[in-house]
Amino acid sequence: MYTNLLHHWTAILRSSQTIPSHASNTIGLLTQHVNSLSLTLLQASPPSSTVVAESTIFPFYEQNRALVTDARLKQYIRIELPS
């Protein structure tokens, strides 16, 4: 769900004429929330399920990378590092 939400927001920002001033903060808060959930999921997953957990987490960070490396958007969106 969070990956799809971030993908949707990225598409909206890419098509916008102006970038809202709250965009970076909003995306940062979403990323911080996903960071927390991801860390909890990885810590709570038994070793046999770690690959499954990682495969649900990585797409979000790949979408985040696409957003913060976008030629136009990178000057507006702050990079949030995972825990």
PDB file of N, CA and C in Angstrom:
ATOM      1  N   MET A   1       0.823  -1.183   0.000  1.00  0.00           N
ATOM      2  CA  MET A   1       0.000   0.000   0.000  1.00  0.00           C
ATOM      3  C   MET A   1       0.882   1.267   0.000  1.00  0.00           C
ATOM      4  N   TYR A   2       1.917   1.282   0.841  1.00  0.00           N
ATOM      5  CA  TYR A   2       2.762   2.472   0.930  1.00  0.00           C
ATOM      6  C   TYR A   2       3.553   2.706  -0.355  1.00  0.00           C
ATOM      7  N   THR A   3       3.973   1.627  -0.999  1.00  0.00           N
ATOM      8  CA  THR A   3       4.677   1.765  -2.278  1.00  0.00           C
ATOM      9  C   THR A   3       3.756   2.375  -3.317  1.00  0.00           C
ATOM     10  N   ASN A   4       2.524   1.885  -3.377  1.00  0.00           N
ATOM     11  CA  ASN A   4       1.552   2.426  -4.330  1.00  0.00           C
ATOM     12  C   ASN A   4       1.236   3.885  -4.030  1.00  0.00           C
ATOM     13  N   LEU A   5       1.119   4.223  -2.754  1.00  0.00           N
ATOM     14  CA  LEU A   5       0.861   5.606  -2.368  1.00  0.00           C
ATOM     15  C   LEU A   5       2.004   6.515  -2.802  1.00  0.00           C
ATOM     16  N   LEU A   6       3.231   6.090  -2.538  1.00  0.00           N
ATOM     17  CA  LEU A   6       4.389   6.898  -2.934  1.00  0.00           C
ATOM     18  C   LEU A   6       4.493   7.002  -4.455  1.00  0.00           C
ATOM     19  N   HIS A   7       4.192   5.926  -5.145  1.00  0.00           N
ATOM     20  CA  HIS A   7       4.196   5.952  -6.620  1.00  0.00           C
ATOM     21  C   HIS A   7       3.164   6.965  -7.124  1.00  0.00           C
ATOM     22  N   HIS A   8       1.991   6.959  -6.532  1.00  0.00           N
ATOM     23  CA  HIS A   8       0.930   7.896  -6.921  1.00  0.00           C
ATOM     24  C   HIS A   8       1.363   9.341  -6.673  1.00  0.00           C
ATOM     25  N   TRP A   9       1.927   9.590  -5.485  1.00  0.00           N
ATOM     26  CA  TRP A   9       2.386  10.942  -5.164  1.00  0.00           C
ATOM     27  C   TRP A   9       3.496  11.376  -6.113  1.00  0.00           C
ATOM     28  N   THR A  10       4.380  10.454  -6.468  1.00  0.00           N
ATOM     29  CA  THR A  10       5.466  10.778  -7.401  1.00  0.00           C
ATOM     30  C   THR A  10       4.898  11.181  -8.754  1.00  0.00           C
ATOM     31  N   ALA A  11       3.919  10.426  -9.227  1.00  0.00           N
ATOM     32  CA  ALA A  11       3.293  10.745 -10.522  1.00  0.00           C
ATOM     33  C   ALA A  11       2.625  12.115 -10.479  1.00  0.00           C
ATOM     34  N   ILE A  12       1.952  12.413  -9.384  1.00  0.00           N
ATOM     35  CA  ILE A  12       1.303  13.728  -9.242  1.00  0.00           C
ATOM     36  C   ILE A  12       2.337  14.847  -9.232  1.00  0.00           C
ATOM     37  N   LEU A  13       3.405  14.655  -8.470  1.00  0.00           N
ATOM     38  CA  LEU A  13       4.444  15.693  -8.399  1.00  0.00           C
ATOM     39  C   LEU A  13       5.127  15.894  -9.743  1.00  0.00           C
ATOM     40  N   ARG A  14       5.376  14.801 -10.455  1.00  0.00           N
ATOM     41  CA  ARG A  14       6.017  14.926 -11.775  1.00  0.00           C
ATOM     42  C   ARG A  14       5.150  15.689 -12.763  1.00  0.00           C
ATOM     43  N   SER A  15       3.841  15.567 -12.627  1.00  0.00           N
ATOM     44  CA  SER A  15       2.944  16.222 -13.579  1.00  0.00           C
ATOM     45  C   SER A  15       2.513  17.619 -13.128  1.00  0.00           C
ATOM     46  N   SER A  16       2.879  18.011 -11.926  1.00  0.00           N
ATOM     47  CA  SER A  16       2.485  19.325 -11.397  1.00  0.00           C
ATOM     48  C   SER A  16       3.365  20.426 -11.958  1.00  0.00           C
ATOM     49  N   GLN A  17       2.745  21.573 -12.177  1.00  0.00           N
ATOM     50  CA  GLN A  17       3.503  22.744 -12.618  1.00  0.00           C
ATOM     51  C   GLN A  17       4.336  23.302 -11.472  1.00  0.00           C
ATOM     52  N   THR A  18       3.749  23.303 -10.272  1.00  0.00           N
ATOM     53  CA  THR A  18       4.465  23.774  -9.088  1.00  0.00           C
ATOM     54  C   THR A  18       4.446  22.672  -8.034  1.00  0.00           C
ATOM     55  N   ILE A  19       5.505  22.587  -7.272  1.00  0.00           N
ATOM     56  CA  ILE A  19       5.623  21.586  -6.219  1.00  0.00           C
ATOM     57  C   ILE A  19       5.135  22.214  -4.916  1.00  0.00           C
ATOM     58  N   PRO A  20       4.142  21.601  -4.259  1.00  0.00           N
ATOM     59  CA  PRO A  20       3.657  22.166  -2.993  1.00  0.00           C
ATOM     60  C   PRO A  20       4.778  22.237  -1.952  1.00  0.00           C
ATOM     61  N   SER A  21       4.730  23.253  -1.124  1.00  0.00           N
ATOM     62  CA  SER A  21       5.786  23.436  -0.124  1.00  0.00           C
ATOM     63  C   SER A  21       5.804  22.313   0.906  1.00  0.00           C
ATOM     64  N   HIS A  22       4.684  21.642   1.094  1.00  0.00           N
ATOM     65  CA  HIS A  22       4.610  20.564   2.083  1.00  0.00           C
ATOM     66  C   HIS A  22       5.010  19.202   1.522  1.00  0.00           C
ATOM     67  N   ALA A  23       5.343  19.118   0.257  1.00  0.00           N
ATOM     68  CA  ALA A  23       5.625  17.825  -0.384  1.00  0.00           C
ATOM     69  C   ALA A  23       6.790  17.097   0.277  1.00  0.00           C
ATOM     70  N   SER A  24       7.873  17.778   0.507  1.00  0.00           N
ATOM     71  CA  SER A  24       9.044  17.129   1.085  1.00  0.00           C
ATOM     72  C   SER A  24       8.756  16.628   2.500  1.00  0.00           C
ATOM     73  N   ASN A  25       8.093  17.442   3.300  1.00  0.00           N
ATOM     74  CA  ASN A  25       7.770  17.049   4.668  1.00  0.00           C
ATOM     75  C   ASN A  25       6.803  15.857   4.675  1.00  0.00           C
ATOM     76  N   THR A  26       5.805  15.886   3.822  1.00  0.00           N
ATOM     77  CA  THR A  26       4.825  14.798   3.760  1.00  0.00           C
ATOM     78  C   THR A  26       5.486  13.490   3.352  1.00  0.00           C
ATOM     79  N   ILE A  27       6.318  13.539   2.347  1.00  0.00           N
ATOM     80  CA  ILE A  27       7.010  12.333   1.890  1.00  0.00           C
ATOM     81  C   ILE A  27       8.007  11.869   2.953  1.00  0.00           C
ATOM     82  N   GLY A  28       8.643  12.802   3.608  1.00  0.00           N
ATOM     83  CA  GLY A  28       9.556  12.453   4.695  1.00  0.00           C
ATOM     84  C   GLY A  28       8.852  11.738   5.830  1.00  0.00           C
ATOM     85  N   LEU A  29       7.660  12.217   6.192  1.00  0.00           N
ATOM     86  CA  LEU A  29       6.894  11.563   7.258  1.00  0.00           C
ATOM     87  C   LEU A  29       6.454  10.163   6.838  1.00  0.00           C
ATOM     88  N   LEU A  30       6.034  10.016   5.595  1.00  0.00           N
ATOM     89  CA  LEU A  30       5.669   8.683   5.089  1.00  0.00           C
ATOM     90  C   LEU A  30       6.877   7.756   5.138  1.00  0.00           C
ATOM     91  N   THR A  31       8.013   8.239   4.706  1.00  0.00           N
ATOM     92  CA  THR A  31       9.229   7.421   4.691  1.00  0.00           C
ATOM     93  C   THR A  31       9.642   7.046   6.109  1.00  0.00           C
ATOM     94  N   GLN A  32       9.557   7.964   7.045  1.00  0.00           N
ATOM     95  CA  GLN A  32       9.887   7.652   8.436  1.00  0.00           C
ATOM     96  C   GLN A  32       8.953   6.578   8.988  1.00  0.00           C
ATOM     97  N   HIS A  33       7.680   6.663   8.631  1.00  0.00           N
ATOM     98  CA  HIS A  33       6.709   5.664   9.079  1.00  0.00           C
ATOM     99  C   HIS A  33       7.043   4.285   8.504  1.00  0.00           C
ATOM    100  N   VAL A  34       7.342   4.252   7.216  1.00  0.00           N
ATOM    101  CA  VAL A  34       7.695   2.983   6.572  1.00  0.00           C
ATOM    102  C   VAL A  34       9.018   2.461   7.136  1.00  0.00           C
ATOM    103  N   ASN A  35       9.962   3.340   7.420  1.00  0.00           N
ATOM    104  CA  ASN A  35      11.218   2.917   8.048  1.00  0.00           C
ATOM    105  C   ASN A  35      10.948   2.178   9.347  1.00  0.00           C
ATOM    106  N   SER A  36      10.087   2.751  10.170  1.00  0.00           N
ATOM    107  CA  SER A  36       9.754   2.146  11.458  1.00  0.00           C
ATOM    108  C   SER A  36       9.072   0.791  11.274  1.00  0.00           C
ATOM    109  N   LEU A  37       8.100   0.728  10.380  1.00  0.00           N
ATOM    110  CA  LEU A  37       7.412  -0.537  10.120  1.00  0.00           C
ATOM    111  C   LEU A  37       8.362  -1.585   9.554  1.00  0.00           C
ATOM    112  N   SER A  38       9.230  -1.168   8.667  1.00  0.00           N
ATOM    113  CA  SER A  38      10.180  -2.091   8.043  1.00  0.00           C
ATOM    114  C   SER A  38      11.141  -2.677   9.066  1.00  0.00           C
ATOM    115  N   LEU A  39      11.653  -1.828   9.927  1.00  0.00           N
ATOM    116  CA  LEU A  39      12.575  -2.288  10.956  1.00  0.00           C
ATOM    117  C   LEU A  39      11.885  -3.292  11.889  1.00  0.00           C
ATOM    118  N   THR A  40      10.665  -2.990  12.268  1.00  0.00           N
ATOM    119  CA  THR A  40       9.899  -3.901  13.120  1.00  0.00           C
ATOM    120  C   THR A  40       9.650  -5.227  12.410  1.00  0.00           C
ATOM    121  N   LEU A  41       9.282  -5.163  11.154  1.00  0.00           N
ATOM    122  CA  LEU A  41       9.027  -6.388  10.386  1.00  0.00           C
ATOM    123  C   LEU A  41      10.286  -7.240  10.274  1.00  0.00           C
ATOM    124  N   LEU A  42      11.402  -6.620   9.996  1.00  0.00           N
ATOM    125  CA  LEU A  42      12.649  -7.370   9.869  1.00  0.00           C
ATOM    126  C   LEU A  42      13.090  -7.974  11.204  1.00  0.00           C
ATOM    127  N   GLN A  43      12.891  -7.241  12.274  1.00  0.00           N
ATOM    128  CA  GLN A  43      13.286  -7.747  13.585  1.00  0.00           C
ATOM    129  C   GLN A  43      12.360  -8.856  14.078  1.00  0.00           C
ATOM    130  N   ALA A  44      11.098  -8.794  13.703  1.00  0.00           N
ATOM    131  CA  ALA A  44      10.118  -9.770  14.183  1.00  0.00           C
ATOM    132  C   ALA A  44      10.016 -11.003  13.293  1.00  0.00           C
ATOM    133  N   SER A  45      10.560 -10.930  12.093  1.00  0.00           N
ATOM    134  CA  SER A  45      10.457 -12.060  11.164  1.00  0.00           C
ATOM    135  C   SER A  45      11.418 -13.171  11.556  1.00  0.00           C
ATOM    136  N   PRO A  46      10.928 -14.399  11.544  1.00  0.00           N
ATOM    137  CA  PRO A  46      11.865 -15.508  11.768  1.00  0.00           C
ATOM    138  C   PRO A  46      12.853 -15.582  10.603  1.00  0.00           C
ATOM    139  N   PRO A  47      14.044 -16.117  10.836  1.00  0.00           N
ATOM    140  CA  PRO A  47      15.059 -16.167   9.773  1.00  0.00           C
ATOM    141  C   PRO A  47      14.555 -16.778   8.466  1.00  0.00           C
ATOM    142  N   SER A  48      13.651 -17.731   8.561  1.00  0.00           N
ATOM    143  CA  SER A  48      13.146 -18.363   7.337  1.00  0.00           C
ATOM    144  C   SER A  48      12.243 -17.430   6.524  1.00  0.00           C
ATOM    145  N   SER A  49      11.751 -16.358   7.133  1.00  0.00           N
ATOM    146  CA  SER A  49      10.856 -15.425   6.440  1.00  0.00           C
ATOM    147  C   SER A  49      11.519 -14.105   6.071  1.00  0.00           C
ATOM    148  N   THR A  50      12.790 -13.970   6.335  1.00  0.00           N
ATOM    149  CA  THR A  50      13.476 -12.702   6.097  1.00  0.00           C
ATOM    150  C   THR A  50      13.432 -12.303   4.626  1.00  0.00           C
ATOM    151  N   VAL A  51      13.604 -13.249   3.722  1.00  0.00           N
ATOM    152  CA  VAL A  51      13.580 -12.938   2.287  1.00  0.00           C
ATOM    153  C   VAL A  51      12.199 -12.418   1.884  1.00  0.00           C
ATOM    154  N   VAL A  52      11.164 -13.018   2.429  1.00  0.00           N
ATOM    155  CA  VAL A  52       9.803 -12.560   2.131  1.00  0.00           C
ATOM    156  C   VAL A  52       9.609 -11.143   2.661  1.00  0.00           C
ATOM    157  N   ALA A  53      10.063 -10.883   3.869  1.00  0.00           N
ATOM    158  CA  ALA A  53       9.939  -9.545   4.447  1.00  0.00           C
ATOM    159  C   ALA A  53      10.700  -8.523   3.609  1.00  0.00           C
ATOM    160  N   GLU A  54      11.919  -8.858   3.240  1.00  0.00           N
ATOM    161  CA  GLU A  54      12.725  -7.932   2.431  1.00  0.00           C
ATOM    162  C   GLU A  54      12.073  -7.659   1.083  1.00  0.00           C
ATOM    163  N   SER A  55      11.467  -8.659   0.488  1.00  0.00           N
ATOM    164  CA  SER A  55      10.857  -8.467  -0.830  1.00  0.00           C
ATOM    165  C   SER A  55       9.607  -7.593  -0.765  1.00  0.00           C
ATOM    166  N   THR A  56       9.043  -7.431   0.424  1.00  0.00           N
ATOM    167  CA  THR A  56       7.920  -6.506   0.561  1.00  0.00           C
ATOM    168  C   THR A  56       8.389  -5.093   0.882  1.00  0.00           C
ATOM    169  N   ILE A  57       9.603  -4.975   1.396  1.00  0.00           N
ATOM    170  CA  ILE A  57      10.147  -3.675   1.802  1.00  0.00           C
ATOM    171  C   ILE A  57      10.889  -2.987   0.654  1.00  0.00           C
ATOM    172  N   PHE A  58      11.684  -3.718  -0.080  1.00  0.00           N
ATOM    173  CA  PHE A  58      12.541  -3.122  -1.116  1.00  0.00           C
ATOM    174  C   PHE A  58      11.784  -2.314  -2.171  1.00  0.00           C
ATOM    175  N   PRO A  59      10.610  -2.748  -2.637  1.00  0.00           N
ATOM    176  CA  PRO A  59       9.924  -1.925  -3.644  1.00  0.00           C
ATOM    177  C   PRO A  59       9.626  -0.502  -3.181  1.00  0.00           C
ATOM    178  N   PHE A  60       9.343  -0.327  -1.893  1.00  0.00           N
ATOM    179  CA  PHE A  60       9.108   1.029  -1.399  1.00  0.00           C
ATOM    180  C   PHE A  60      10.363   1.887  -1.543  1.00  0.00           C
ATOM    181  N   TYR A  61      11.485   1.334  -1.140  1.00  0.00           N
ATOM    182  CA  TYR A  61      12.735   2.092  -1.220  1.00  0.00           C
ATOM    183  C   TYR A  61      13.174   2.312  -2.666  1.00  0.00           C
ATOM    184  N   GLU A  62      12.838   1.399  -3.548  1.00  0.00           N
ATOM    185  CA  GLU A  62      13.126   1.609  -4.970  1.00  0.00           C
ATOM    186  C   GLU A  62      12.279   2.756  -5.509  1.00  0.00           C
ATOM    187  N   GLN A  63      11.013   2.823  -5.099  1.00  0.00           N
ATOM    188  CA  GLN A  63      10.146   3.929  -5.509  1.00  0.00           C
ATOM    189  C   GLN A  63      10.640   5.235  -4.909  1.00  0.00           C
ATOM    190  N   ASN A  64      11.091   5.196  -3.679  1.00  0.00           N
ATOM    191  CA  ASN A  64      11.634   6.382  -3.031  1.00  0.00           C
ATOM    192  C   ASN A  64      12.877   6.865  -3.774  1.00  0.00           C
ATOM    193  N   ARG A  65      13.733   5.938  -4.170  1.00  0.00           N
ATOM    194  CA  ARG A  65      14.933   6.299  -4.935  1.00  0.00           C
ATOM    195  C   ARG A  65      14.547   6.980  -6.241  1.00  0.00           C
ATOM    196  N   ALA A  66      13.524   6.450  -6.911  1.00  0.00           N
ATOM    197  CA  ALA A  66      13.073   7.052  -8.171  1.00  0.00           C
ATOM    198  C   ALA A  66      12.603   8.489  -7.953  1.00  0.00           C
ATOM    199  N   LEU A  67      11.984   8.732  -6.818  1.00  0.00           N
ATOM    200  CA  LEU A  67      11.506  10.080  -6.508  1.00  0.00           C
ATOM    201  C   LEU A  67      12.654  11.035  -6.230  1.00  0.00           C
ATOM    202  N   VAL A  68      13.571  10.642  -5.359  1.00  0.00           N
ATOM    203  CA  VAL A  68      14.629  11.573  -4.948  1.00  0.00           C
ATOM    204  C   VAL A  68      15.734  11.718  -5.986  1.00  0.00           C
ATOM    205  N   THR A  69      15.741  10.892  -7.017  1.00  0.00           N
ATOM    206  CA  THR A  69      16.726  11.052  -8.085  1.00  0.00           C
ATOM    207  C   THR A  69      16.119  11.637  -9.355  1.00  0.00           C
ATOM    208  N   ASP A  70      14.829  11.928  -9.322  1.00  0.00           N
ATOM    209  CA  ASP A  70      14.172  12.557 -10.464  1.00  0.00           C
ATOM    210  C   ASP A  70      14.818  13.913 -10.717  1.00  0.00           C
ATOM    211  N   ALA A  71      15.174  14.176 -11.951  1.00  0.00           N
ATOM    212  CA  ALA A  71      15.923  15.395 -12.293  1.00  0.00           C
ATOM    213  C   ALA A  71      15.222  16.663 -11.812  1.00  0.00           C
ATOM    214  N   ARG A  72      13.915  16.719 -11.924  1.00  0.00           N
ATOM    215  CA  ARG A  72      13.182  17.924 -11.533  1.00  0.00           C
ATOM    216  C   ARG A  72      12.852  17.941 -10.041  1.00  0.00           C
ATOM    217  N   LEU A  73      12.487  16.804  -9.486  1.00  0.00           N
ATOM    218  CA  LEU A  73      11.987  16.758  -8.115  1.00  0.00           C
ATOM    219  C   LEU A  73      13.075  16.726  -7.050  1.00  0.00           C
ATOM    220  N   LYS A  74      14.273  16.295  -7.414  1.00  0.00           N
ATOM    221  CA  LYS A  74      15.303  16.128  -6.387  1.00  0.00           C
ATOM    222  C   LYS A  74      15.683  17.425  -5.684  1.00  0.00           C
ATOM    223  N   GLN A  75      15.427  18.551  -6.307  1.00  0.00           N
ATOM    224  CA  GLN A  75      15.737  19.810  -5.645  1.00  0.00           C
ATOM    225  C   GLN A  75      14.672  20.199  -4.621  1.00  0.00           C
ATOM    226  N   TYR A  76      13.527  19.508  -4.635  1.00  0.00           N
ATOM    227  CA  TYR A  76      12.447  19.827  -3.710  1.00  0.00           C
ATOM    228  C   TYR A  76      12.258  18.791  -2.605  1.00  0.00           C
ATOM    229  N   ILE A  77      12.656  17.544  -2.866  1.00  0.00           N
ATOM    230  CA  ILE A  77      12.375  16.447  -1.950  1.00  0.00           C
ATOM    231  C   ILE A  77      13.640  16.078  -1.192  1.00  0.00           C
ATOM    232  N   ARG A  78      13.553  16.100   0.119  1.00  0.00           N
ATOM    233  CA  ARG A  78      14.684  15.757   0.979  1.00  0.00           C
ATOM    234  C   ARG A  78      14.816  14.242   1.061  1.00  0.00           C
ATOM    235  N   ILE A  79      16.020  13.747   1.105  1.00  0.00           N
ATOM    236  CA  ILE A  79      16.285  12.313   1.215  1.00  0.00           C
ATOM    237  C   ILE A  79      16.139  11.896   2.675  1.00  0.00           C
ATOM    238  N   GLU A  80      15.331  10.872   2.911  1.00  0.00           N
ATOM    239  CA  GLU A  80      15.173  10.281   4.248  1.00  0.00           C
ATOM    240  C   GLU A  80      15.885   8.933   4.224  1.00  0.00           C
ATOM    241  N   LEU A  81      16.865   8.759   5.074  1.00  0.00           N
ATOM    242  CA  LEU A  81      17.602   7.499   5.121  1.00  0.00           C
ATOM    243  C   LEU A  81      16.884   6.516   6.015  1.00  0.00           C
ATOM    244  N   PRO A  82      16.859   5.236   5.621  1.00  0.00           N
ATOM    245  CA  PRO A  82      16.229   4.224   6.474  1.00  0.00           C
ATOM    246  C   PRO A  82      17.053   3.986   7.741  1.00  0.00           C
ATOM    247  N   SER A  83      16.375   3.453   8.747  1.00  0.00           N
ATOM    248  CA  SER A  83      17.030   3.131  10.010  1.00  0.00           C
ATOM    249  C   SER A  83      18.092   2.061   9.823  1.00  0.00           C
TER     250      SER A  83
END
